[in-house]
């Protein structure tokens, strides 16, 4: 159970970091670094796809 929570948090942190990098690149250099944007989106989808509910 803790492994699922750990994976969910790690993927969510990676998605946030990728989003921050994309934001910095866009504001400073006026372009989007697409690999970071795509990987961030994939990490976000994976973090939401991991179920963490307890089975009753």
PDB file of N, CA and C in Angstrom:
ATOM      1  N   UNK A   1       0.814  -1.189   0.000  1.00  0.00           N
ATOM      2  CA  UNK A   1       0.000   0.000   0.000  1.00  0.00           C
ATOM      3  C   UNK A   1       0.864   1.262   0.000  1.00  0.00           C
ATOM      4  N   UNK A   2       1.951   1.245   0.784  1.00  0.00           N
ATOM      5  CA  UNK A   2       2.829   2.406   0.812  1.00  0.00           C
ATOM      6  C   UNK A   2       3.579   2.581  -0.501  1.00  0.00           C
ATOM      7  N   UNK A   3       3.814   1.489  -1.217  1.00  0.00           N
ATOM      8  CA  UNK A   3       4.484   1.578  -2.508  1.00  0.00           C
ATOM      9  C   UNK A   3       3.634   2.361  -3.503  1.00  0.00           C
ATOM     10  N   UNK A   4       2.337   2.140  -3.491  1.00  0.00           N
ATOM     11  CA  UNK A   4       1.450   2.870  -4.400  1.00  0.00           C
ATOM     12  C   UNK A   4       1.452   4.361  -4.086  1.00  0.00           C
ATOM     13  N   UNK A   5       1.390   4.703  -2.791  1.00  0.00           N
ATOM     14  CA  UNK A   5       1.428   6.117  -2.410  1.00  0.00           C
ATOM     15  C   UNK A   5       2.763   6.736  -2.794  1.00  0.00           C
ATOM     16  N   UNK A   6       3.850   6.007  -2.588  1.00  0.00           N
ATOM     17  CA  UNK A   6       5.172   6.523  -2.926  1.00  0.00           C
ATOM     18  C   UNK A   6       5.300   6.757  -4.422  1.00  0.00           C
ATOM     19  N   UNK A   7       4.849   5.799  -5.221  1.00  0.00           N
ATOM     20  CA  UNK A   7       4.906   5.962  -6.672  1.00  0.00           C
ATOM     21  C   UNK A   7       4.043   7.129  -7.128  1.00  0.00           C
ATOM     22  N   UNK A   8       2.860   7.245  -6.557  1.00  0.00           N
ATOM     23  CA  UNK A   8       1.962   8.334  -6.919  1.00  0.00           C
ATOM     24  C   UNK A   8       2.598   9.691  -6.621  1.00  0.00           C
ATOM     25  N   UNK A   9       3.218   9.823  -5.455  1.00  0.00           N
ATOM     26  CA  UNK A   9       3.846  11.083  -5.070  1.00  0.00           C
ATOM     27  C   UNK A   9       5.068  11.380  -5.935  1.00  0.00           C
ATOM     28  N   UNK A  10       5.869  10.358  -6.231  1.00  0.00           N
ATOM     29  CA  UNK A  10       7.056  10.557  -7.062  1.00  0.00           C
ATOM     30  C   UNK A  10       6.657  11.007  -8.464  1.00  0.00           C
ATOM     31  N   UNK A  11       5.668  10.353  -9.066  1.00  0.00           N
ATOM     32  CA  UNK A  11       5.222  10.750 -10.400  1.00  0.00           C
ATOM     33  C   UNK A  11       4.613  12.146 -10.395  1.00  0.00           C
ATOM     34  N   UNK A  12       3.894  12.493  -9.346  1.00  0.00           N
ATOM     35  CA  UNK A  12       3.307  13.822  -9.250  1.00  0.00           C
ATOM     36  C   UNK A  12       4.393  14.894  -9.098  1.00  0.00           C
ATOM     37  N   UNK A  13       5.413  14.622  -8.308  1.00  0.00           N
ATOM     38  CA  UNK A  13       6.520  15.572  -8.158  1.00  0.00           C
ATOM     39  C   UNK A  13       7.269  15.739  -9.480  1.00  0.00           C
ATOM     40  N   UNK A  14       7.479  14.645 -10.200  1.00  0.00           N
ATOM     41  CA  UNK A  14       8.143  14.736 -11.499  1.00  0.00           C
ATOM     42  C   UNK A  14       7.308  15.554 -12.483  1.00  0.00           C
ATOM     43  N   UNK A  15       5.993  15.379 -12.467  1.00  0.00           N
ATOM     44  CA  UNK A  15       5.118  16.159 -13.345  1.00  0.00           C
ATOM     45  C   UNK A  15       5.181  17.643 -12.995  1.00  0.00           C
ATOM     46  N   UNK A  16       5.213  17.955 -11.713  1.00  0.00           N
ATOM     47  CA  UNK A  16       5.306  19.357 -11.283  1.00  0.00           C
ATOM     48  C   UNK A  16       6.652  19.955 -11.702  1.00  0.00           C
ATOM     49  N   UNK A  17       7.727  19.210 -11.527  1.00  0.00           N
ATOM     50  CA  UNK A  17       9.044  19.705 -11.928  1.00  0.00           C
ATOM     51  C   UNK A  17       9.121  19.949 -13.430  1.00  0.00           C
ATOM     52  N   UNK A  18       8.571  19.046 -14.219  1.00  0.00           N
ATOM     53  CA  UNK A  18       8.552  19.235 -15.672  1.00  0.00           C
ATOM     54  C   UNK A  18       7.723  20.461 -16.043  1.00  0.00           C
ATOM     55  N   UNK A  19       6.615  20.671 -15.355  1.00  0.00           N
ATOM     56  CA  UNK A  19       5.785  21.837 -15.627  1.00  0.00           C
ATOM     57  C   UNK A  19       6.508  23.133 -15.263  1.00  0.00           C
ATOM     58  N   UNK A  20       7.256  23.117 -14.177  1.00  0.00           N
ATOM     59  CA  UNK A  20       8.019  24.302 -13.782  1.00  0.00           C
ATOM     60  C   UNK A  20       9.100  24.603 -14.821  1.00  0.00           C
ATOM     61  N   UNK A  21       9.770  23.579 -15.304  1.00  0.00           N
ATOM     62  CA  UNK A  21      10.795  23.780 -16.333  1.00  0.00           C
ATOM     63  C   UNK A  21      10.179  24.347 -17.595  1.00  0.00           C
ATOM     64  N   UNK A  22       9.033  23.830 -18.000  1.00  0.00           N
ATOM     65  CA  UNK A  22       8.351  24.354 -19.185  1.00  0.00           C
ATOM     66  C   UNK A  22       7.954  25.810 -18.965  1.00  0.00           C
ATOM     67  N   UNK A  23       7.449  26.118 -17.778  1.00  0.00           N
ATOM     68  CA  UNK A  23       7.075  27.500 -17.477  1.00  0.00           C
ATOM     69  C   UNK A  23       8.264  28.440 -17.510  1.00  0.00           C
ATOM     70  N   UNK A  24       9.376  28.024 -16.939  1.00  0.00           N
ATOM     71  CA  UNK A  24      10.579  28.859 -16.955  1.00  0.00           C
ATOM     72  C   UNK A  24      11.071  29.065 -18.380  1.00  0.00           C
ATOM     73  N   UNK A  25      11.102  28.002 -19.161  1.00  0.00           N
ATOM     74  CA  UNK A  25      11.554  28.119 -20.552  1.00  0.00           C
ATOM     75  C   UNK A  25      10.651  29.061 -21.338  1.00  0.00           C
ATOM     76  N   UNK A  26       9.342  28.979 -21.097  1.00  0.00           N
ATOM     77  CA  UNK A  26       8.410  29.811 -21.849  1.00  0.00           C
ATOM     78  C   UNK A  26       8.531  31.281 -21.456  1.00  0.00           C
ATOM     79  N   UNK A  27       8.661  31.556 -20.156  1.00  0.00           N
ATOM     80  CA  UNK A  27       8.726  32.950 -19.729  1.00  0.00           C
ATOM     81  C   UNK A  27      10.074  33.598 -20.056  1.00  0.00           C
ATOM     82  N   UNK A  28      11.152  32.853 -19.977  1.00  0.00           N
ATOM     83  CA  UNK A  28      12.477  33.428 -20.221  1.00  0.00           C
ATOM     84  C   UNK A  28      12.860  33.432 -21.699  1.00  0.00           C
ATOM     85  N   UNK A  29      12.481  32.384 -22.415  1.00  0.00           N
ATOM     86  CA  UNK A  29      12.953  32.239 -23.797  1.00  0.00           C
ATOM     87  C   UNK A  29      11.840  32.251 -24.838  1.00  0.00           C
ATOM     88  N   UNK A  30      10.593  32.350 -24.411  1.00  0.00           N
ATOM     89  CA  UNK A  30       9.426  32.448 -25.299  1.00  0.00           C
ATOM     90  C   UNK A  30       9.220  31.224 -26.195  1.00  0.00           C
ATOM     91  N   UNK A  31       9.612  30.068 -25.732  1.00  0.00           N
ATOM     92  CA  UNK A  31       9.255  28.841 -26.444  1.00  0.00           C
ATOM     93  C   UNK A  31       9.032  27.729 -25.437  1.00  0.00           C
ATOM     94  N   UNK A  32       8.306  26.722 -25.878  1.00  0.00           N
ATOM     95  CA  UNK A  32       7.997  25.584 -25.010  1.00  0.00           C
ATOM     96  C   UNK A  32       8.931  24.437 -25.368  1.00  0.00           C
ATOM     97  N   UNK A  33       9.553  23.863 -24.378  1.00  0.00           N
ATOM     98  CA  UNK A  33      10.408  22.697 -24.582  1.00  0.00           C
ATOM     99  C   UNK A  33       9.494  21.467 -24.579  1.00  0.00           C
ATOM    100  N   UNK A  34       9.125  21.010 -25.762  1.00  0.00           N
ATOM    101  CA  UNK A  34       8.093  19.983 -25.906  1.00  0.00           C
ATOM    102  C   UNK A  34       8.400  18.648 -25.226  1.00  0.00           C
ATOM    103  N   UNK A  35       9.635  18.151 -25.218  1.00  0.00           N
ATOM    104  CA  UNK A  35       9.863  16.885 -24.495  1.00  0.00           C
ATOM    105  C   UNK A  35       9.501  16.980 -23.010  1.00  0.00           C
ATOM    106  N   UNK A  36       9.839  18.100 -22.368  1.00  0.00           N
ATOM    107  CA  UNK A  36       9.465  18.276 -20.960  1.00  0.00           C
ATOM    108  C   UNK A  36       7.950  18.367 -20.803  1.00  0.00           C
ATOM    109  N   UNK A  37       7.277  19.030 -21.727  1.00  0.00           N
ATOM    110  CA  UNK A  37       5.827  19.162 -21.647  1.00  0.00           C
ATOM    111  C   UNK A  37       5.150  17.802 -21.806  1.00  0.00           C
ATOM    112  N   UNK A  38       5.620  17.007 -22.747  1.00  0.00           N
ATOM    113  CA  UNK A  38       5.021  15.688 -22.994  1.00  0.00           C
ATOM    114  C   UNK A  38       5.285  14.745 -21.821  1.00  0.00           C
ATOM    115  N   UNK A  39       6.526  14.722 -21.334  1.00  0.00           N
ATOM    116  CA  UNK A  39       6.870  13.841 -20.215  1.00  0.00           C
ATOM    117  C   UNK A  39       6.120  14.264 -18.954  1.00  0.00           C
ATOM    118  N   UNK A  40       5.981  15.559 -18.732  1.00  0.00           N
ATOM    119  CA  UNK A  40       5.220  16.043 -17.586  1.00  0.00           C
ATOM    120  C   UNK A  40       3.765  15.616 -17.658  1.00  0.00           C
ATOM    121  N   UNK A  41       3.178  15.688 -18.851  1.00  0.00           N
ATOM    122  CA  UNK A  41       1.799  15.255 -19.031  1.00  0.00           C
ATOM    123  C   UNK A  41       1.668  13.750 -18.796  1.00  0.00           C
ATOM    124  N   UNK A  42       2.611  12.975 -19.280  1.00  0.00           N
ATOM    125  CA  UNK A  42       2.581  11.517 -19.093  1.00  0.00           C
ATOM    126  C   UNK A  42       2.708  11.170 -17.605  1.00  0.00           C
ATOM    127  N   UNK A  43       3.629  11.839 -16.904  1.00  0.00           N
ATOM    128  CA  UNK A  43       3.766  11.598 -15.466  1.00  0.00           C
ATOM    129  C   UNK A  43       2.496  11.971 -14.715  1.00  0.00           C
ATOM    130  N   UNK A  44       1.837  13.052 -15.130  1.00  0.00           N
ATOM    131  CA  UNK A  44       0.592  13.455 -14.489  1.00  0.00           C
ATOM    132  C   UNK A  44      -0.497  12.401 -14.704  1.00  0.00           C
ATOM    133  N   UNK A  45      -0.619  11.880 -15.908  1.00  0.00           N
ATOM    134  CA  UNK A  45      -1.605  10.835 -16.200  1.00  0.00           C
ATOM    135  C   UNK A  45      -1.301   9.575 -15.391  1.00  0.00           C
ATOM    136  N   UNK A  46      -0.022   9.189 -15.320  1.00  0.00           N
ATOM    137  CA  UNK A  46       0.354   7.995 -14.561  1.00  0.00           C
ATOM    138  C   UNK A  46       0.045   8.177 -13.075  1.00  0.00           C
ATOM    139  N   UNK A  47       0.314   9.371 -12.550  1.00  0.00           N
ATOM    140  CA  UNK A  47       0.058   9.589 -11.126  1.00  0.00           C
ATOM    141  C   UNK A  47      -1.431   9.532 -10.807  1.00  0.00           C
ATOM    142  N   UNK A  48      -2.276   9.965 -11.729  1.00  0.00           N
ATOM    143  CA  UNK A  48      -3.719   9.863 -11.501  1.00  0.00           C
ATOM    144  C   UNK A  48      -4.251   8.455 -11.761  1.00  0.00           C
ATOM    145  N   UNK A  49      -3.523   7.663 -12.532  1.00  0.00           N
ATOM    146  CA  UNK A  49      -4.003   6.320 -12.874  1.00  0.00           C
ATOM    147  C   UNK A  49      -3.701   5.283 -11.790  1.00  0.00           C
ATOM    148  N   UNK A  50      -2.803   5.588 -10.884  1.00  0.00           N
ATOM    149  CA  UNK A  50      -2.431   4.634  -9.828  1.00  0.00           C
ATOM    150  C   UNK A  50      -3.508   4.654  -8.746  1.00  0.00           C
ATOM    151  N   UNK A  51      -4.208   3.535  -8.562  1.00  0.00           N
ATOM    152  CA  UNK A  51      -5.258   3.507  -7.531  1.00  0.00           C
ATOM    153  C   UNK A  51      -4.637   3.356  -6.135  1.00  0.00           C
ATOM    154  N   UNK A  52      -5.206   4.063  -5.159  1.00  0.00           N
ATOM    155  CA  UNK A  52      -4.677   3.973  -3.805  1.00  0.00           C
ATOM    156  C   UNK A  52      -5.772   3.682  -2.771  1.00  0.00           C
ATOM    157  N   UNK A  53      -6.977   3.433  -3.202  1.00  0.00           N
ATOM    158  CA  UNK A  53      -8.061   3.125  -2.263  1.00  0.00           C
ATOM    159  C   UNK A  53      -7.854   1.762  -1.635  1.00  0.00           C
ATOM    160  N   UNK A  54      -8.277   1.662  -0.384  1.00  0.00           N
ATOM    161  CA  UNK A  54      -8.206   0.377   0.301  1.00  0.00           C
ATOM    162  C   UNK A  54      -9.370  -0.496  -0.144  1.00  0.00           C
ATOM    163  N   UNK A  55      -9.104  -1.773  -0.259  1.00  0.00           N
ATOM    164  CA  UNK A  55     -10.174  -2.714  -0.595  1.00  0.00           C
ATOM    165  C   UNK A  55     -10.925  -3.084   0.671  1.00  0.00           C
ATOM    166  N   UNK A  56     -12.229  -3.109   0.578  1.00  0.00           N
ATOM    167  CA  UNK A  56     -13.062  -3.400   1.757  1.00  0.00           C
ATOM    168  C   UNK A  56     -13.432  -4.856   1.759  1.00  0.00           C
TER     169      UNK A  56
END
